[in-house]
Amino acid sequence: MSASRSRVRRTAWAVSAALLVGPLAACSGSGEPAAGSGTTAASSSSAPASSGAATETASTPGPSTTDRPEPTDVATDAPVELEPGDDLEVVVSFASVEPGSGAVEASGYVPGLVEDGGRCTLVLSRAGRSDVSVEGEAFADAQSTSCALLSVPADRLAPGTWTARLDYRSDSSSGSSPDVEVVVP
């Protein structure tokens, strides 16, 4: 092999190594000033910085979180609270067949009414069949009254399309949801 070809390969290898290792060395440097200079030198050693020496870390330029103004244009609608009464709106959050057991499950809430002590009833109806129902507890949350998960076992239902309705009742309030269709396989 000629001397010039060998020199070209060594030079190419050195340049490649410098291009690969240089940025890595700069990123992993200790950040300690070199002796006698006012600049930061990159170190290729993996030894920790000496005790008591301050280390600098690179940071991304940009505003700090303390420089950001607090938002002033925020949605501040007051919660709507309903007075107890009859004919309240009841919302079905979901009503579906649970794939594992085949049971019909449903849950819902009464928006704007915050009270404990009520009961929720899931009523499933189908033409030519008797209604099937289950009852569960209702509980107050921040801005509504929620119905616990209600479940009707599959063995109580014949295959076909059923309508599900969620009723809410307490000593001072009542309401019903619109019907929702559920297909029992």
Foldseek 3Di string as FASTA:
>chain_A
DDPVVVVVVVVVVVVVCCVVVVVVQVQQAQQACDPPDPGGDGDPDPDHDDPPDDGDHDDDDDDDPVPDDDDDDDDDDDAAADDAAEAFEKDKPDWEQDVPFLKIKTWTWGFRYFDFAKKKKKWKDDPPDDIDIDMAGWHGDDGIIIYDMDIDGNVVDDFAKIWIKMWMDGPRHIHIYDTDIYGRD
